């Protein structure tokens, strides 16, 4: 079947099998390998992208379901060489170790802050509970999200 969608601001049209998951469409058809495959069961969040601005786990969305929609991946978050404020906050607060979960964590955090920039630590932890990191204790990730939320409230993004 034919799907038309916008990914990171660029229009794409492809023929796909109806059962193709969005994560594999992004990685294999478009070469956007920043979206990671972790579990294929929505347990880890490594595949999180924004679908029309809201975070979704792309391992449970069919490419056909994204037809006519806008997708943002980690590759589309920065503006040229300028990191998105969330990416910058993760960098400044060392909110990663191995980096495997980071793209999905960042995308989920962007959506979380857009929904409610007035977050506290408990709200960040609850909002990111569907994104797992096996390397960190989450402290630096939470601090990064809180810092990015502050910059959002100040109009930086």
N, C-alpha and C. Protein backbone atom coordinates (compact mmCIF):
# COMPACT_ATOMS: atom_id res chain seq x y z
N UNK A 1 0.83 -1.16 0.00
CA UNK A 1 0.00 0.00 0.00
C UNK A 1 0.89 1.24 0.00
N UNK A 2 0.38 2.33 -0.50
CA UNK A 2 1.13 3.58 -0.58
C UNK A 2 0.84 4.43 0.64
N UNK A 3 1.92 4.97 1.23
CA UNK A 3 1.78 5.90 2.35
C UNK A 3 2.48 7.21 2.00
N UNK A 4 1.86 8.28 2.44
CA UNK A 4 2.44 9.62 2.30
C UNK A 4 2.49 10.22 3.68
N UNK A 5 3.67 10.63 4.08
CA UNK A 5 3.81 11.26 5.37
C UNK A 5 4.97 12.25 5.36
N UNK A 6 4.94 13.14 6.32
CA UNK A 6 6.01 14.11 6.46
C UNK A 6 6.89 13.66 7.62
N UNK A 7 8.18 13.57 7.35
CA UNK A 7 9.12 13.17 8.38
C UNK A 7 10.19 14.25 8.49
N UNK A 8 10.28 14.83 9.66
CA UNK A 8 11.24 15.90 9.92
C UNK A 8 11.12 17.04 8.91
N UNK A 9 9.88 17.35 8.54
CA UNK A 9 9.60 18.45 7.64
C UNK A 9 9.72 18.14 6.17
N UNK A 10 10.02 16.90 5.83
CA UNK A 10 10.20 16.49 4.44
C UNK A 10 9.12 15.47 4.05
N UNK A 11 8.49 15.69 2.90
CA UNK A 11 7.44 14.78 2.43
C UNK A 11 8.05 13.50 1.88
N UNK A 12 7.41 12.39 2.20
CA UNK A 12 7.85 11.07 1.71
C UNK A 12 6.63 10.30 1.25
N UNK A 13 6.80 9.57 0.16
CA UNK A 13 5.77 8.68 -0.35
C UNK A 13 6.44 7.36 -0.69
N UNK A 14 5.91 6.28 -0.14
CA UNK A 14 6.50 4.97 -0.36
C UNK A 14 5.41 3.91 -0.44
N UNK A 15 5.73 2.82 -1.11
CA UNK A 15 4.91 1.62 -1.07
C UNK A 15 5.44 0.77 0.09
N UNK A 16 4.54 0.35 0.95
CA UNK A 16 4.94 -0.47 2.10
C UNK A 16 3.98 -1.64 2.25
N UNK A 17 4.47 -2.69 2.87
CA UNK A 17 3.57 -3.77 3.24
C UNK A 17 2.67 -3.26 4.36
N UNK A 18 1.40 -3.64 4.37
CA UNK A 18 0.48 -3.15 5.39
C UNK A 18 0.92 -3.42 6.83
N UNK A 19 1.73 -4.43 7.04
CA UNK A 19 2.15 -4.81 8.39
C UNK A 19 3.46 -4.13 8.83
N UNK A 20 4.02 -3.24 8.01
CA UNK A 20 5.28 -2.58 8.34
C UNK A 20 5.10 -1.63 9.51
N UNK A 21 5.91 -1.83 10.53
CA UNK A 21 5.88 -0.94 11.68
C UNK A 21 6.58 0.37 11.35
N UNK A 22 6.11 1.44 11.96
CA UNK A 22 6.69 2.76 11.71
C UNK A 22 8.18 2.78 12.02
N UNK A 23 8.61 2.13 13.09
CA UNK A 23 10.03 2.14 13.45
C UNK A 23 10.89 1.56 12.32
N UNK A 24 10.42 0.49 11.68
CA UNK A 24 11.18 -0.11 10.59
C UNK A 24 11.09 0.73 9.33
N UNK A 25 9.97 1.38 9.11
CA UNK A 25 9.85 2.31 7.98
C UNK A 25 10.88 3.43 8.13
N UNK A 26 10.95 4.01 9.31
CA UNK A 26 11.90 5.10 9.54
C UNK A 26 13.34 4.64 9.38
N UNK A 27 13.66 3.51 9.94
CA UNK A 27 15.05 3.02 9.91
C UNK A 27 15.44 2.46 8.54
N UNK A 28 14.58 1.62 7.97
CA UNK A 28 14.97 0.90 6.76
C UNK A 28 14.62 1.63 5.47
N UNK A 29 13.48 2.26 5.43
CA UNK A 29 13.06 2.98 4.22
C UNK A 29 13.69 4.36 4.13
N UNK A 30 13.79 5.05 5.26
CA UNK A 30 14.28 6.43 5.25
C UNK A 30 15.70 6.57 5.79
N UNK A 31 16.26 5.51 6.36
CA UNK A 31 17.63 5.57 6.86
C UNK A 31 17.80 6.41 8.12
N UNK A 32 16.72 6.63 8.85
CA UNK A 32 16.77 7.42 10.08
C UNK A 32 16.98 6.47 11.26
N UNK A 33 18.23 6.15 11.52
CA UNK A 33 18.55 5.11 12.50
C UNK A 33 18.68 5.64 13.93
N UNK A 34 18.38 6.90 14.15
CA UNK A 34 18.37 7.43 15.51
C UNK A 34 17.24 6.84 16.33
N UNK A 35 16.17 6.45 15.67
CA UNK A 35 15.05 5.79 16.34
C UNK A 35 15.45 4.33 16.54
N UNK A 36 15.62 3.93 17.78
CA UNK A 36 16.14 2.59 18.07
C UNK A 36 15.03 1.57 18.29
N UNK A 37 15.35 0.32 17.99
CA UNK A 37 14.46 -0.80 18.28
C UNK A 37 14.99 -1.46 19.53
N UNK A 38 14.17 -1.48 20.57
CA UNK A 38 14.64 -2.07 21.81
C UNK A 38 13.92 -3.35 22.18
N UNK A 39 12.59 -3.34 22.09
CA UNK A 39 11.85 -4.48 22.62
C UNK A 39 10.72 -4.95 21.72
N UNK A 40 10.23 -4.10 20.84
CA UNK A 40 9.07 -4.42 19.99
C UNK A 40 7.79 -4.69 20.77
N UNK A 41 7.74 -4.29 22.04
CA UNK A 41 6.55 -4.54 22.85
C UNK A 41 6.08 -3.32 23.63
N UNK A 42 6.56 -2.16 23.32
CA UNK A 42 6.27 -0.87 23.98
C UNK A 42 6.79 -0.81 25.41
N UNK A 43 7.65 -1.70 25.81
CA UNK A 43 8.14 -1.72 27.19
C UNK A 43 9.28 -0.74 27.44
N UNK A 44 10.10 -0.45 26.42
CA UNK A 44 11.33 0.30 26.70
C UNK A 44 11.31 1.76 26.25
N UNK A 45 10.60 2.10 25.20
CA UNK A 45 10.53 3.48 24.73
C UNK A 45 11.68 3.93 23.86
N UNK A 46 12.61 3.05 23.51
CA UNK A 46 13.75 3.44 22.67
C UNK A 46 13.31 3.91 21.29
N UNK A 47 12.12 3.55 20.88
CA UNK A 47 11.62 3.87 19.54
C UNK A 47 10.70 5.09 19.53
N UNK A 48 10.65 5.85 20.62
CA UNK A 48 9.71 6.96 20.72
C UNK A 48 10.01 8.06 19.70
N UNK A 49 8.97 8.48 19.01
CA UNK A 49 9.02 9.59 18.06
C UNK A 49 7.81 10.48 18.34
N UNK A 50 7.75 11.61 17.68
CA UNK A 50 6.57 12.47 17.79
C UNK A 50 5.70 12.28 16.57
N UNK A 51 4.45 11.98 16.79
CA UNK A 51 3.45 11.84 15.73
C UNK A 51 2.50 13.01 15.91
N UNK A 52 2.53 13.94 14.97
CA UNK A 52 1.75 15.17 15.08
C UNK A 52 2.02 15.86 16.43
N UNK A 53 3.28 15.81 16.86
CA UNK A 53 3.70 16.51 18.06
C UNK A 53 3.56 15.75 19.36
N UNK A 54 2.96 14.58 19.34
CA UNK A 54 2.78 13.80 20.57
C UNK A 54 3.63 12.53 20.52
N UNK A 55 4.20 12.16 21.65
CA UNK A 55 5.08 11.00 21.66
C UNK A 55 4.29 9.70 21.48
N UNK A 56 4.86 8.84 20.64
CA UNK A 56 4.32 7.50 20.43
C UNK A 56 5.49 6.54 20.33
N UNK A 57 5.23 5.31 20.67
CA UNK A 57 6.24 4.28 20.51
C UNK A 57 6.05 3.69 19.12
N UNK A 58 7.02 3.95 18.27
CA UNK A 58 6.87 3.61 16.86
C UNK A 58 6.94 2.12 16.58
N UNK A 59 7.21 1.31 17.60
CA UNK A 59 7.19 -0.14 17.40
C UNK A 59 5.77 -0.69 17.46
N UNK A 60 4.79 0.16 17.82
CA UNK A 60 3.40 -0.30 17.88
C UNK A 60 2.49 0.52 16.98
N UNK A 61 3.10 1.31 16.11
CA UNK A 61 2.33 2.08 15.14
C UNK A 61 2.71 1.56 13.75
N UNK A 62 1.71 1.25 12.97
CA UNK A 62 1.98 0.82 11.60
C UNK A 62 2.30 2.04 10.75
N UNK A 63 3.17 1.86 9.79
CA UNK A 63 3.48 2.96 8.87
C UNK A 63 2.19 3.44 8.20
N UNK A 64 1.28 2.51 7.92
CA UNK A 64 0.01 2.87 7.29
C UNK A 64 -0.83 3.77 8.20
N UNK A 65 -0.71 3.60 9.51
CA UNK A 65 -1.44 4.46 10.45
C UNK A 65 -0.89 5.88 10.46
N UNK A 66 0.36 6.03 10.06
CA UNK A 66 0.99 7.35 10.02
C UNK A 66 0.73 8.07 8.70
N UNK A 67 0.05 7.41 7.79
CA UNK A 67 -0.26 8.01 6.49
C UNK A 67 -0.99 9.35 6.69
N UNK A 68 -0.46 10.39 6.06
CA UNK A 68 -1.07 11.71 6.15
C UNK A 68 -0.68 12.50 7.39
N UNK A 69 0.20 11.96 8.20
CA UNK A 69 0.59 12.61 9.44
C UNK A 69 2.03 13.12 9.37
N UNK A 70 2.41 13.85 10.41
CA UNK A 70 3.74 14.41 10.53
C UNK A 70 4.50 13.69 11.63
N UNK A 71 5.71 13.26 11.32
CA UNK A 71 6.57 12.54 12.26
C UNK A 71 7.82 13.38 12.50
N UNK A 72 8.23 13.44 13.75
CA UNK A 72 9.52 14.04 14.08
C UNK A 72 10.35 12.98 14.79
N UNK A 73 11.55 12.76 14.29
CA UNK A 73 12.48 11.83 14.91
C UNK A 73 13.59 12.65 15.58
N UNK A 74 14.47 11.99 16.27
CA UNK A 74 15.58 12.67 16.93
C UNK A 74 16.42 13.44 15.90
N UNK A 75 16.51 12.93 14.68
CA UNK A 75 17.29 13.61 13.64
C UNK A 75 16.68 14.94 13.24
N UNK A 76 15.37 15.10 13.46
CA UNK A 76 14.69 16.32 13.05
C UNK A 76 14.50 17.33 14.17
N UNK A 77 15.02 17.03 15.34
CA UNK A 77 14.80 17.90 16.49
C UNK A 77 15.71 19.13 16.47
N UNK A 78 16.96 18.94 16.15
CA UNK A 78 17.91 20.05 16.12
C UNK A 78 17.64 20.93 14.91
N UNK A 79 18.13 22.13 14.97
CA UNK A 79 18.03 23.06 13.85
C UNK A 79 19.44 23.28 13.32
N UNK A 80 19.79 22.52 12.29
CA UNK A 80 21.16 22.57 11.78
C UNK A 80 22.13 22.08 12.84
N UNK A 81 23.12 22.91 13.17
CA UNK A 81 24.10 22.56 14.19
C UNK A 81 23.65 22.96 15.60
N UNK A 82 22.50 23.62 15.69
CA UNK A 82 22.00 24.07 16.98
C UNK A 82 21.08 23.02 17.60
N UNK A 83 21.50 22.49 18.74
CA UNK A 83 20.71 21.47 19.41
C UNK A 83 19.39 22.04 19.91
N UNK A 84 18.38 21.20 19.93
CA UNK A 84 17.11 21.55 20.56
C UNK A 84 17.41 21.74 22.05
N UNK A 85 16.68 22.62 22.74
CA UNK A 85 16.94 22.82 24.17
C UNK A 85 16.91 21.54 25.00
N UNK A 86 16.10 20.57 24.63
CA UNK A 86 16.08 19.31 25.38
C UNK A 86 17.38 18.54 25.14
N UNK A 87 17.83 18.51 23.89
CA UNK A 87 19.10 17.84 23.60
C UNK A 87 20.25 18.52 24.35
N UNK A 88 20.23 19.84 24.36
CA UNK A 88 21.27 20.60 25.05
C UNK A 88 21.25 20.31 26.55
N UNK A 89 20.05 20.24 27.12
CA UNK A 89 19.93 19.95 28.55
C UNK A 89 20.46 18.56 28.86
N UNK A 90 20.15 17.57 28.02
CA UNK A 90 20.68 16.22 28.24
C UNK A 90 22.20 16.25 28.18
N UNK A 91 22.74 17.03 27.27
CA UNK A 91 24.20 17.14 27.15
C UNK A 91 24.80 17.80 28.39
N UNK A 92 24.23 18.91 28.80
CA UNK A 92 24.77 19.66 29.94
C UNK A 92 24.66 18.91 31.26
N UNK A 93 23.61 18.11 31.41
CA UNK A 93 23.38 17.39 32.66
C UNK A 93 23.87 15.94 32.60
N UNK A 94 24.54 15.58 31.53
CA UNK A 94 25.05 14.21 31.35
C UNK A 94 23.93 13.19 31.55
N UNK A 95 22.81 13.43 30.85
CA UNK A 95 21.62 12.60 30.98
C UNK A 95 21.67 11.35 30.13
N UNK A 96 22.84 10.79 29.96
CA UNK A 96 22.96 9.56 29.18
C UNK A 96 24.23 8.84 29.59
N UNK A 97 24.28 7.58 29.28
CA UNK A 97 25.51 6.83 29.44
C UNK A 97 25.79 6.12 28.12
N UNK A 98 25.18 4.97 27.89
CA UNK A 98 25.47 4.28 26.63
C UNK A 98 24.81 4.98 25.45
N UNK A 99 23.70 5.68 25.70
CA UNK A 99 23.03 6.46 24.66
C UNK A 99 21.94 5.72 23.92
N UNK A 100 21.74 4.44 24.18
CA UNK A 100 20.75 3.70 23.41
C UNK A 100 19.33 4.21 23.65
N UNK A 101 19.00 4.52 24.87
CA UNK A 101 17.65 4.99 25.19
C UNK A 101 17.48 6.47 24.91
N UNK A 102 18.57 7.20 24.74
CA UNK A 102 18.54 8.66 24.71
C UNK A 102 17.62 9.24 23.65
N UNK A 103 17.65 8.79 22.40
CA UNK A 103 16.73 9.40 21.42
C UNK A 103 15.26 9.29 21.83
N UNK A 104 14.85 8.12 22.29
CA UNK A 104 13.47 7.94 22.71
C UNK A 104 13.16 8.73 23.97
N UNK A 105 14.11 8.79 24.89
CA UNK A 105 13.93 9.54 26.12
C UNK A 105 13.79 11.03 25.82
N UNK A 106 14.62 11.54 24.93
CA UNK A 106 14.56 12.96 24.56
C UNK A 106 13.22 13.27 23.89
N UNK A 107 12.77 12.42 22.98
CA UNK A 107 11.52 12.68 22.28
C UNK A 107 10.33 12.63 23.25
N UNK A 108 10.33 11.68 24.17
CA UNK A 108 9.27 11.61 25.16
C UNK A 108 9.29 12.84 26.06
N UNK A 109 10.49 13.30 26.41
CA UNK A 109 10.63 14.47 27.27
C UNK A 109 10.15 15.73 26.56
N UNK A 110 10.42 15.86 25.28
CA UNK A 110 9.93 17.02 24.51
C UNK A 110 8.41 17.06 24.57
N UNK A 111 7.78 15.93 24.33
CA UNK A 111 6.32 15.86 24.36
C UNK A 111 5.79 16.18 25.76
N UNK A 112 6.46 15.64 26.77
CA UNK A 112 6.05 15.86 28.16
C UNK A 112 6.09 17.36 28.50
N UNK A 113 7.15 18.03 28.14
CA UNK A 113 7.30 19.45 28.45
C UNK A 113 6.30 20.29 27.65
N UNK A 114 6.03 19.89 26.42
CA UNK A 114 5.03 20.63 25.63
C UNK A 114 3.65 20.51 26.27
N UNK A 115 3.35 19.35 26.83
CA UNK A 115 2.06 19.15 27.50
C UNK A 115 1.96 19.95 28.79
N UNK A 116 3.07 20.04 29.53
CA UNK A 116 3.05 20.73 30.81
C UNK A 116 4.47 21.17 31.18
N UNK A 117 4.83 22.42 30.91
CA UNK A 117 6.17 22.88 31.25
C UNK A 117 6.39 23.13 32.74
N UNK A 118 5.32 23.11 33.53
CA UNK A 118 5.42 23.33 34.98
C UNK A 118 5.56 21.99 35.70
N UNK A 119 6.70 21.36 35.50
CA UNK A 119 6.93 20.02 36.04
C UNK A 119 7.78 20.07 37.30
N UNK A 120 7.56 19.10 38.16
CA UNK A 120 8.48 18.87 39.27
C UNK A 120 9.10 17.49 39.07
N UNK A 121 9.99 17.12 39.96
CA UNK A 121 10.70 15.85 39.79
C UNK A 121 9.75 14.67 39.69
N UNK A 122 8.74 14.63 40.54
CA UNK A 122 7.80 13.51 40.52
C UNK A 122 7.04 13.44 39.20
N UNK A 123 6.66 14.58 38.66
CA UNK A 123 5.92 14.60 37.39
C UNK A 123 6.81 14.14 36.23
N UNK A 124 8.08 14.50 36.27
CA UNK A 124 9.01 14.05 35.22
C UNK A 124 9.17 12.54 35.31
N UNK A 125 9.39 12.04 36.49
CA UNK A 125 9.57 10.59 36.65
C UNK A 125 8.32 9.83 36.19
N UNK A 126 7.16 10.34 36.54
CA UNK A 126 5.92 9.70 36.12
C UNK A 126 5.73 9.82 34.60
N UNK A 127 6.04 10.97 34.06
CA UNK A 127 5.85 11.20 32.63
C UNK A 127 6.78 10.38 31.75
N UNK A 128 7.92 9.99 32.29
CA UNK A 128 8.89 9.21 31.52
C UNK A 128 8.92 7.74 31.92
N UNK A 129 7.95 7.29 32.72
CA UNK A 129 8.00 5.92 33.23
C UNK A 129 7.93 4.86 32.13
N UNK A 130 7.47 5.21 30.95
CA UNK A 130 7.42 4.25 29.85
C UNK A 130 8.69 4.20 29.03
N UNK A 131 9.71 4.95 29.44
CA UNK A 131 11.00 4.95 28.77
C UNK A 131 12.05 4.46 29.76
N UNK A 132 12.67 3.33 29.42
CA UNK A 132 13.61 2.70 30.33
C UNK A 132 15.05 3.01 29.96
N UNK A 133 15.85 3.20 30.99
CA UNK A 133 17.30 3.35 30.83
C UNK A 133 17.93 2.31 31.74
N UNK A 134 18.78 1.51 31.17
CA UNK A 134 19.41 0.44 31.96
C UNK A 134 20.75 0.87 32.53
N UNK A 135 21.21 2.08 32.19
CA UNK A 135 22.55 2.51 32.62
C UNK A 135 22.53 3.53 33.75
N UNK A 136 21.57 4.43 33.75
CA UNK A 136 21.60 5.53 34.72
C UNK A 136 20.63 5.27 35.86
N UNK A 137 20.70 6.11 36.85
CA UNK A 137 19.73 6.09 37.94
C UNK A 137 18.64 7.11 37.70
N UNK A 138 18.56 7.64 36.51
CA UNK A 138 17.56 8.61 36.07
C UNK A 138 17.75 10.01 36.65
N UNK A 139 18.59 10.18 37.66
CA UNK A 139 18.74 11.49 38.29
C UNK A 139 19.12 12.56 37.27
N UNK A 140 20.14 12.30 36.47
CA UNK A 140 20.60 13.30 35.50
C UNK A 140 19.57 13.52 34.38
N UNK A 141 18.85 12.49 34.03
CA UNK A 141 17.79 12.63 33.03
C UNK A 141 16.71 13.55 33.57
N UNK A 142 16.29 13.33 34.79
CA UNK A 142 15.26 14.17 35.41
C UNK A 142 15.74 15.61 35.49
N UNK A 143 16.99 15.82 35.91
CA UNK A 143 17.52 17.17 36.00
C UNK A 143 17.56 17.84 34.62
N UNK A 144 17.89 17.09 33.59
CA UNK A 144 17.91 17.63 32.23
C UNK A 144 16.51 18.07 31.80
N UNK A 145 15.53 17.25 32.07
CA UNK A 145 14.15 17.59 31.68
C UNK A 145 13.66 18.80 32.46
N UNK A 146 13.97 18.87 33.74
CA UNK A 146 13.56 20.03 34.53
C UNK A 146 14.22 21.30 34.02
N UNK A 147 15.49 21.21 33.64
CA UNK A 147 16.19 22.37 33.09
C UNK A 147 15.58 22.80 31.76
N UNK A 148 15.29 21.85 30.90
CA UNK A 148 14.67 22.16 29.60
C UNK A 148 13.27 22.74 29.81
N UNK A 149 12.55 22.24 30.80
CA UNK A 149 11.21 22.77 31.09
C UNK A 149 11.31 24.22 31.52
N UNK A 150 12.34 24.55 32.34
CA UNK A 150 12.55 25.94 32.74
C UNK A 150 12.79 26.81 31.51
N UNK A 151 13.63 26.36 30.60
CA UNK A 151 13.91 27.16 29.40
C UNK A 151 12.67 27.29 28.53
N UNK A 152 11.82 26.26 28.54
CA UNK A 152 10.55 26.34 27.79
C UNK A 152 9.64 27.41 28.38
N UNK A 153 9.56 27.43 29.71
CA UNK A 153 8.73 28.43 30.38
C UNK A 153 9.24 29.84 30.12
N UNK A 154 10.55 29.96 29.91
CA UNK A 154 11.16 31.26 29.63
C UNK A 154 11.09 31.64 28.16
N UNK A 155 10.44 30.79 27.36
CA UNK A 155 10.24 31.08 25.95
C UNK A 155 11.39 30.72 25.03
N UNK A 156 12.31 29.88 25.49
CA UNK A 156 13.46 29.52 24.67
C UNK A 156 13.12 28.52 23.56
N UNK A 157 11.90 27.89 23.65
CA UNK A 157 11.51 26.98 22.58
C UNK A 157 10.03 26.81 22.52
